[in-house]
Amino acid sequence: MVWWVLDSSDGIMQQVARESANHLRQLAIPEEHVTSEVSYGNYAMFNKPLGIIYRANVPRLKAIKGAEDPTNVSWGWRKV
């Protein structure tokens, strides 16, 4: 796990994460270990659209979230 203290470091840390993921993806694609898109939520980058991760389930997940957590107590990386 990686973390940092200064909020002002968010941009650079996010950029480093994107560059690192892209580099690893480029190494793995020729060996056919991954495709160009990662759809599993735990491995997807923080800015990956929900539709790529959850596909057609997004509306159902949003409905469940609205019904079960109307005050948004549960939140995290993936805001459904």
Foldseek 3Di string as FASTA:
>chain_A
DDDDDDPVCVVVVLVVVVVVVVVVCVVCVVVPPDDPADQDVVPHRLPDDPCSNVNPCVVVVVVCCCVVPVPCPDDDSDGD
